[in-house]
Amino acid sequence: MRRRTAVAGTLIAIAATAPLAATAHAQDLDCRDFTFQEEAQAALDTNPSDQNRLDEDQGPADGIACEALPRRDSPVISSTSRPVSSATPTAVTPTRGVQGGLGGASASGPSDLEMGIGTAFVAGGALATGYVVRRRRS
């Protein structure tokens, strides 16, 4: 009987962790992974579902990734030359942190897969506890 319980517990643990193996190797991209806005836009264009949440600025989803990043076509000011344009570039201060596309993926909470795995663990724990209580009473 103990062997069956051990085997069942092992199989439940394997079944609960196996789906996470593929997502553990997936690359999570954030705005800080890009130097220019155009690079982030290219990443967003390759995956319009925006699983990396690159379009998480204030307001509705407009399809523009990492708006706080500098653009390649903006004038560059160096210490040896004067500005290319007369307009002085202003710094854009992010206001929403992780939700603004500047942080990790944990800001949106657990995914449906993670919720399912958690529910499976809770249900398995409840069943195991019920089984142990029932065995001790008889």
N, C-alpha and C. Protein backbone atom coordinates (compact mmCIF):
# COMPACT_ATOMS: atom_id res chain seq x y z
N MET A 1 0.82 -1.19 0.00
CA MET A 1 0.00 0.00 0.00
C MET A 1 0.86 1.26 0.00
N ARG A 2 1.96 1.25 0.74
CA ARG A 2 2.83 2.42 0.80
C ARG A 2 3.50 2.66 -0.55
N ARG A 3 3.79 1.59 -1.27
CA ARG A 3 4.40 1.74 -2.59
C ARG A 3 3.45 2.44 -3.54
N ARG A 4 2.19 2.04 -3.52
CA ARG A 4 1.20 2.67 -4.40
C ARG A 4 1.05 4.15 -4.07
N THR A 5 1.05 4.48 -2.79
CA THR A 5 0.93 5.88 -2.39
C THR A 5 2.15 6.68 -2.85
N ALA A 6 3.34 6.12 -2.70
CA ALA A 6 4.56 6.79 -3.12
C ALA A 6 4.57 6.99 -4.64
N VAL A 7 4.17 5.96 -5.37
CA VAL A 7 4.13 6.05 -6.83
C VAL A 7 3.10 7.09 -7.26
N ALA A 8 1.95 7.10 -6.63
CA ALA A 8 0.91 8.08 -6.97
C ALA A 8 1.38 9.49 -6.67
N GLY A 9 2.05 9.70 -5.57
CA GLY A 9 2.57 11.02 -5.23
C GLY A 9 3.63 11.48 -6.21
N THR A 10 4.49 10.56 -6.61
CA THR A 10 5.53 10.89 -7.59
C THR A 10 4.90 11.25 -8.93
N LEU A 11 3.91 10.50 -9.36
CA LEU A 11 3.25 10.80 -10.64
C LEU A 11 2.52 12.14 -10.60
N ILE A 12 1.92 12.46 -9.47
CA ILE A 12 1.25 13.76 -9.35
C ILE A 12 2.27 14.89 -9.42
N ALA A 13 3.41 14.72 -8.75
CA ALA A 13 4.45 15.75 -8.78
C ALA A 13 5.00 15.94 -10.19
N ILE A 14 5.22 14.85 -10.91
CA ILE A 14 5.72 14.95 -12.28
C ILE A 14 4.68 15.60 -13.18
N ALA A 15 3.43 15.19 -13.03
CA ALA A 15 2.37 15.77 -13.87
C ALA A 15 2.18 17.25 -13.59
N ALA A 16 2.41 17.67 -12.36
CA ALA A 16 2.22 19.08 -12.02
C ALA A 16 3.38 19.95 -12.49
N THR A 17 4.59 19.42 -12.56
CA THR A 17 5.74 20.23 -12.94
C THR A 17 6.12 20.09 -14.40
N ALA A 18 5.70 19.06 -15.09
CA ALA A 18 6.08 18.87 -16.49
C ALA A 18 5.62 20.00 -17.40
N PRO A 19 4.41 20.53 -17.26
CA PRO A 19 4.02 21.63 -18.15
C PRO A 19 4.87 22.89 -17.97
N LEU A 20 5.53 23.06 -16.84
CA LEU A 20 6.35 24.25 -16.61
C LEU A 20 7.71 24.16 -17.27
N ALA A 21 8.12 22.99 -17.73
CA ALA A 21 9.44 22.84 -18.31
C ALA A 21 9.60 23.69 -19.57
N ALA A 22 8.58 23.78 -20.39
CA ALA A 22 8.68 24.57 -21.62
C ALA A 22 8.71 26.06 -21.31
N THR A 23 7.93 26.52 -20.36
CA THR A 23 7.89 27.94 -20.06
C THR A 23 9.10 28.40 -19.28
N ALA A 24 9.79 27.50 -18.61
CA ALA A 24 10.97 27.90 -17.86
C ALA A 24 12.08 28.35 -18.79
N HIS A 25 12.12 27.83 -20.01
CA HIS A 25 13.17 28.18 -20.94
C HIS A 25 12.76 29.31 -21.87
N ALA A 26 11.53 29.75 -21.80
CA ALA A 26 11.08 30.84 -22.65
C ALA A 26 11.73 32.14 -22.21
N GLN A 27 12.02 33.01 -23.17
CA GLN A 27 12.67 34.27 -22.85
C GLN A 27 11.62 35.34 -22.58
N ASP A 28 11.71 35.94 -21.42
CA ASP A 28 10.81 37.03 -21.06
C ASP A 28 11.50 38.32 -21.40
N LEU A 29 10.92 39.10 -22.30
CA LEU A 29 11.51 40.35 -22.72
C LEU A 29 10.84 41.52 -22.01
N ASP A 30 11.62 42.47 -21.60
CA ASP A 30 11.13 43.69 -20.99
C ASP A 30 11.68 44.86 -21.78
N CYS A 31 11.16 46.04 -21.52
CA CYS A 31 11.66 47.22 -22.22
C CYS A 31 13.14 47.46 -21.92
N ARG A 32 13.60 47.09 -20.74
CA ARG A 32 15.01 47.31 -20.41
C ARG A 32 15.94 46.40 -21.21
N ASP A 33 15.39 45.38 -21.89
CA ASP A 33 16.20 44.51 -22.73
C ASP A 33 16.52 45.13 -24.08
N PHE A 34 15.93 46.27 -24.39
CA PHE A 34 16.12 46.92 -25.68
C PHE A 34 16.79 48.27 -25.48
N THR A 35 17.58 48.66 -26.49
CA THR A 35 18.24 49.96 -26.45
C THR A 35 17.36 51.03 -27.08
N PHE A 36 16.69 50.67 -28.18
CA PHE A 36 15.86 51.62 -28.90
C PHE A 36 14.43 51.11 -29.01
N GLN A 37 13.52 52.03 -29.18
CA GLN A 37 12.10 51.71 -29.28
C GLN A 37 11.82 50.84 -30.50
N GLU A 38 12.53 51.08 -31.59
CA GLU A 38 12.31 50.31 -32.81
C GLU A 38 12.60 48.81 -32.61
N GLU A 39 13.59 48.49 -31.79
CA GLU A 39 13.88 47.08 -31.50
C GLU A 39 12.73 46.44 -30.73
N ALA A 40 12.21 47.15 -29.76
CA ALA A 40 11.07 46.64 -28.99
C ALA A 40 9.83 46.53 -29.88
N GLN A 41 9.67 47.49 -30.80
CA GLN A 41 8.52 47.45 -31.71
C GLN A 41 8.62 46.23 -32.63
N ALA A 42 9.83 45.89 -33.08
CA ALA A 42 10.01 44.71 -33.93
C ALA A 42 9.64 43.44 -33.16
N ALA A 43 10.01 43.38 -31.88
CA ALA A 43 9.65 42.22 -31.06
C ALA A 43 8.14 42.15 -30.86
N LEU A 44 7.49 43.29 -30.68
CA LEU A 44 6.04 43.31 -30.52
C LEU A 44 5.35 42.92 -31.83
N ASP A 45 5.91 43.37 -32.95
CA ASP A 45 5.31 43.05 -34.25
C ASP A 45 5.40 41.57 -34.58
N THR A 46 6.46 40.88 -34.09
CA THR A 46 6.58 39.44 -34.35
C THR A 46 5.57 38.64 -33.54
N ASN A 47 5.12 39.20 -32.41
CA ASN A 47 4.14 38.52 -31.58
C ASN A 47 3.09 39.53 -31.13
N PRO A 48 2.07 39.79 -31.96
CA PRO A 48 1.08 40.81 -31.64
C PRO A 48 0.25 40.53 -30.39
N SER A 49 0.28 39.28 -29.87
CA SER A 49 -0.48 38.99 -28.65
C SER A 49 0.14 39.70 -27.44
N ASP A 50 1.36 40.20 -27.58
CA ASP A 50 2.05 40.98 -26.55
C ASP A 50 2.18 40.21 -25.25
N GLN A 51 2.68 38.97 -25.34
CA GLN A 51 2.86 38.17 -24.13
C GLN A 51 3.95 38.75 -23.23
N ASN A 52 4.86 39.55 -23.77
CA ASN A 52 5.89 40.18 -22.96
C ASN A 52 5.46 41.52 -22.39
N ARG A 53 4.25 41.95 -22.71
CA ARG A 53 3.68 43.20 -22.22
C ARG A 53 4.59 44.40 -22.52
N LEU A 54 4.95 44.51 -23.78
CA LEU A 54 5.77 45.65 -24.20
C LEU A 54 4.91 46.89 -24.46
N ASP A 55 3.60 46.72 -24.60
CA ASP A 55 2.69 47.83 -24.86
C ASP A 55 1.84 48.09 -23.62
N GLU A 56 2.50 48.29 -22.50
CA GLU A 56 1.78 48.49 -21.23
C GLU A 56 1.98 49.90 -20.72
N ASP A 57 1.74 50.88 -21.54
CA ASP A 57 1.82 52.25 -21.08
C ASP A 57 0.44 52.72 -20.62
N GLN A 58 0.39 53.93 -20.09
CA GLN A 58 -0.89 54.46 -19.64
C GLN A 58 -1.81 54.66 -20.84
N GLY A 59 -3.05 54.33 -20.65
CA GLY A 59 -4.02 54.50 -21.72
C GLY A 59 -4.31 53.19 -22.42
N PRO A 60 -5.10 53.25 -23.49
CA PRO A 60 -5.47 52.03 -24.20
C PRO A 60 -4.29 51.46 -24.97
N ALA A 61 -4.38 50.19 -25.31
CA ALA A 61 -3.33 49.53 -26.10
C ALA A 61 -3.30 50.16 -27.48
N ASP A 62 -2.17 50.80 -27.80
CA ASP A 62 -2.07 51.49 -29.07
C ASP A 62 -1.14 50.81 -30.05
N GLY A 63 -0.54 49.67 -29.65
CA GLY A 63 0.33 48.93 -30.54
C GLY A 63 1.74 49.49 -30.64
N ILE A 64 2.08 50.44 -29.78
CA ILE A 64 3.42 51.02 -29.78
C ILE A 64 4.15 50.49 -28.55
N ALA A 65 5.28 49.84 -28.79
CA ALA A 65 6.02 49.19 -27.71
C ALA A 65 7.00 50.15 -27.06
N CYS A 66 7.14 50.07 -25.76
CA CYS A 66 8.17 50.75 -24.98
C CYS A 66 8.34 52.21 -25.40
N GLU A 67 7.30 52.99 -25.23
CA GLU A 67 7.32 54.37 -25.70
C GLU A 67 8.32 55.24 -24.95
N ALA A 68 8.79 54.81 -23.79
CA ALA A 68 9.75 55.59 -23.02
C ALA A 68 11.17 55.45 -23.54
N LEU A 69 11.43 54.46 -24.39
CA LEU A 69 12.77 54.26 -24.94
C LEU A 69 13.08 55.31 -26.01
N PRO A 70 14.37 55.65 -26.17
CA PRO A 70 14.73 56.59 -27.24
C PRO A 70 14.56 55.94 -28.61
N ARG A 71 14.36 56.78 -29.60
CA ARG A 71 14.22 56.30 -30.98
C ARG A 71 15.54 56.51 -31.72
N ARG A 72 15.75 55.66 -32.73
CA ARG A 72 16.99 55.76 -33.51
C ARG A 72 17.07 57.07 -34.28
N ASP A 73 15.95 57.58 -34.73
CA ASP A 73 15.96 58.78 -35.55
C ASP A 73 15.99 60.07 -34.73
N SER A 74 16.00 59.98 -33.41
CA SER A 74 16.04 61.19 -32.60
C SER A 74 17.47 61.73 -32.60
N PRO A 75 17.63 63.04 -32.47
CA PRO A 75 18.97 63.64 -32.51
C PRO A 75 19.81 63.19 -31.32
N VAL A 76 21.08 62.94 -31.59
CA VAL A 76 22.01 62.52 -30.55
C VAL A 76 22.92 63.70 -30.23
N ILE A 77 23.07 64.01 -28.97
CA ILE A 77 23.90 65.13 -28.54
C ILE A 77 25.18 64.55 -27.95
N SER A 78 26.30 64.91 -28.53
CA SER A 78 27.58 64.45 -27.99
C SER A 78 28.30 65.65 -27.40
N SER A 79 29.35 65.41 -26.66
CA SER A 79 30.08 66.49 -26.01
C SER A 79 30.95 67.26 -26.99
N THR A 80 31.24 66.69 -28.17
CA THR A 80 32.10 67.35 -29.14
C THR A 80 31.33 68.08 -30.23
N SER A 81 30.07 67.82 -30.36
CA SER A 81 29.31 68.49 -31.40
C SER A 81 28.06 69.11 -30.81
N ARG A 82 27.48 70.02 -31.57
CA ARG A 82 26.26 70.64 -31.09
C ARG A 82 25.06 69.84 -31.58
N PRO A 83 23.88 70.05 -31.02
CA PRO A 83 22.71 69.27 -31.40
C PRO A 83 22.38 69.42 -32.88
N VAL A 84 21.84 68.35 -33.45
CA VAL A 84 21.46 68.35 -34.84
C VAL A 84 20.24 69.22 -35.06
N SER A 85 19.30 69.20 -34.15
CA SER A 85 18.10 70.01 -34.28
C SER A 85 18.08 71.04 -33.17
N SER A 86 17.23 72.04 -33.35
CA SER A 86 17.13 73.09 -32.34
C SER A 86 16.26 72.67 -31.16
N ALA A 87 15.46 71.61 -31.33
CA ALA A 87 14.59 71.15 -30.26
C ALA A 87 15.41 70.38 -29.24
N THR A 88 15.21 70.69 -27.98
CA THR A 88 15.93 69.99 -26.91
C THR A 88 15.13 68.76 -26.53
N PRO A 89 15.75 67.56 -26.59
CA PRO A 89 15.01 66.35 -26.21
C PRO A 89 14.72 66.36 -24.71
N THR A 90 13.55 65.96 -24.38
CA THR A 90 13.16 65.89 -22.97
C THR A 90 13.09 64.43 -22.54
N ALA A 91 13.43 64.18 -21.30
CA ALA A 91 13.38 62.83 -20.78
C ALA A 91 11.95 62.44 -20.45
N VAL A 92 11.58 61.24 -20.81
CA VAL A 92 10.26 60.73 -20.50
C VAL A 92 10.37 59.90 -19.24
N THR A 93 9.62 60.25 -18.22
CA THR A 93 9.66 59.52 -16.96
C THR A 93 8.53 58.50 -16.94
N PRO A 94 8.87 57.23 -16.80
CA PRO A 94 7.81 56.22 -16.71
C PRO A 94 7.00 56.42 -15.44
N THR A 95 5.70 56.18 -15.55
CA THR A 95 4.83 56.43 -14.41
C THR A 95 4.23 55.19 -13.82
N ARG A 96 4.31 54.06 -14.51
CA ARG A 96 3.61 52.88 -14.01
C ARG A 96 4.53 51.71 -13.72
N GLY A 97 5.84 51.89 -13.71
CA GLY A 97 6.78 50.85 -13.35
C GLY A 97 6.62 49.61 -14.20
N VAL A 98 6.40 48.49 -13.57
CA VAL A 98 6.29 47.22 -14.27
C VAL A 98 5.14 47.24 -15.26
N GLN A 99 4.03 47.86 -14.89
CA GLN A 99 2.90 47.92 -15.80
C GLN A 99 3.20 48.84 -16.98
N GLY A 100 4.21 49.69 -16.86
CA GLY A 100 4.61 50.55 -17.95
C GLY A 100 5.55 49.86 -18.91
N GLY A 101 5.79 48.57 -18.71
CA GLY A 101 6.64 47.82 -19.62
C GLY A 101 8.10 47.85 -19.23
N LEU A 102 8.42 48.29 -18.02
CA LEU A 102 9.80 48.41 -17.61
C LEU A 102 10.23 47.34 -16.62
N GLY A 103 9.39 46.36 -16.36
CA GLY A 103 9.74 45.36 -15.36
C GLY A 103 9.45 43.96 -15.81
N GLY A 104 9.38 43.05 -14.85
CA GLY A 104 9.19 41.64 -15.15
C GLY A 104 7.76 41.28 -15.44
N ALA A 105 7.56 40.00 -15.68
CA ALA A 105 6.24 39.51 -16.06
C ALA A 105 5.34 39.24 -14.87
N SER A 106 5.85 39.37 -13.66
CA SER A 106 5.06 39.01 -12.50
C SER A 106 4.02 40.06 -12.13
N ALA A 107 3.99 41.18 -12.83
CA ALA A 107 3.07 42.26 -12.46
C ALA A 107 1.62 41.90 -12.74
N SER A 108 1.39 41.04 -13.70
CA SER A 108 0.01 40.76 -14.08
C SER A 108 -0.60 39.61 -13.30
N GLY A 109 0.16 39.01 -12.41
CA GLY A 109 -0.37 37.91 -11.61
C GLY A 109 -0.15 36.57 -12.28
N PRO A 110 -0.61 35.51 -11.64
CA PRO A 110 -0.38 34.17 -12.19
C PRO A 110 -1.21 33.93 -13.46
N SER A 111 -0.64 33.12 -14.35
CA SER A 111 -1.35 32.78 -15.58
C SER A 111 -2.39 31.70 -15.30
N ASP A 112 -3.19 31.40 -16.30
CA ASP A 112 -4.20 30.35 -16.15
C ASP A 112 -3.55 29.00 -15.88
N LEU A 113 -2.42 28.74 -16.53
CA LEU A 113 -1.71 27.48 -16.30
C LEU A 113 -1.26 27.38 -14.85
N GLU A 114 -0.69 28.45 -14.33
CA GLU A 114 -0.23 28.44 -12.94
C GLU A 114 -1.40 28.29 -11.96
N MET A 115 -2.51 28.89 -12.28
CA MET A 115 -3.69 28.73 -11.42
C MET A 115 -4.18 27.28 -11.45
N GLY A 116 -4.15 26.66 -12.62
CA GLY A 116 -4.56 25.26 -12.73
C GLY A 116 -3.64 24.34 -11.95
N ILE A 117 -2.35 24.59 -12.03
CA ILE A 117 -1.39 23.77 -11.29
C ILE A 117 -1.59 23.95 -9.79
N GLY A 118 -1.79 25.18 -9.36
CA GLY A 118 -2.04 25.43 -7.93
C GLY A 118 -3.30 24.74 -7.45
N THR A 119 -4.35 24.80 -8.27
CA THR A 119 -5.60 24.14 -7.92
C THR A 119 -5.40 22.63 -7.83
N ALA A 120 -4.61 22.07 -8.76
CA ALA A 120 -4.33 20.63 -8.73
C ALA A 120 -3.59 20.24 -7.45
N PHE A 121 -2.63 21.07 -7.05
CA PHE A 121 -1.91 20.79 -5.81
C PHE A 121 -2.82 20.86 -4.59
N VAL A 122 -3.68 21.85 -4.54
CA VAL A 122 -4.60 21.97 -3.41
C VAL A 122 -5.56 20.79 -3.38
N ALA A 123 -6.11 20.42 -4.55
CA ALA A 123 -7.03 19.29 -4.60
C ALA A 123 -6.32 18.00 -4.21
N GLY A 124 -5.10 17.82 -4.70
CA GLY A 124 -4.33 16.62 -4.33
C GLY A 124 -4.04 16.57 -2.85
N GLY A 125 -3.70 17.72 -2.27
CA GLY A 125 -3.45 17.77 -0.82
C GLY A 125 -4.70 17.46 -0.02
N ALA A 126 -5.85 17.98 -0.48
CA ALA A 126 -7.11 17.71 0.22
C ALA A 126 -7.47 16.23 0.13
N LEU A 127 -7.29 15.64 -1.05
CA LEU A 127 -7.57 14.21 -1.20
C LEU A 127 -6.64 13.36 -0.34
N ALA A 128 -5.36 13.71 -0.31
CA ALA A 128 -4.41 12.95 0.50
C ALA A 128 -4.74 13.08 1.99
N THR A 129 -5.11 14.27 2.42
CA THR A 129 -5.49 14.47 3.82
C THR A 129 -6.74 13.67 4.17
N GLY A 130 -7.73 13.70 3.29
CA GLY A 130 -8.95 12.92 3.52
C GLY A 130 -8.66 11.44 3.58
N TYR A 131 -7.75 10.97 2.72
CA TYR A 131 -7.39 9.55 2.70
C TYR A 131 -6.72 9.17 4.02
N VAL A 132 -5.79 10.00 4.50
CA VAL A 132 -5.07 9.69 5.74
C VAL A 132 -6.05 9.69 6.92
N VAL A 133 -6.94 10.65 6.98
CA VAL A 133 -7.91 10.72 8.07
C VAL A 133 -8.80 9.50 8.04
N ARG A 134 -9.24 9.11 6.87
CA ARG A 134 -10.12 7.95 6.74
C ARG A 134 -9.40 6.66 7.17
N ARG A 135 -8.14 6.53 6.77
CA ARG A 135 -7.37 5.32 7.15
C ARG A 135 -7.14 5.27 8.66
N ARG A 136 -6.92 6.38 9.29
CA ARG A 136 -6.67 6.39 10.73
C ARG A 136 -7.94 6.09 11.53
N ARG A 137 -9.07 6.49 11.02
CA ARG A 137 -10.32 6.23 11.74
C ARG A 137 -10.75 4.77 11.64
N SER A 138 -10.34 4.09 10.59
CA SER A 138 -10.76 2.69 10.45
C SER A 138 -9.72 1.72 10.96
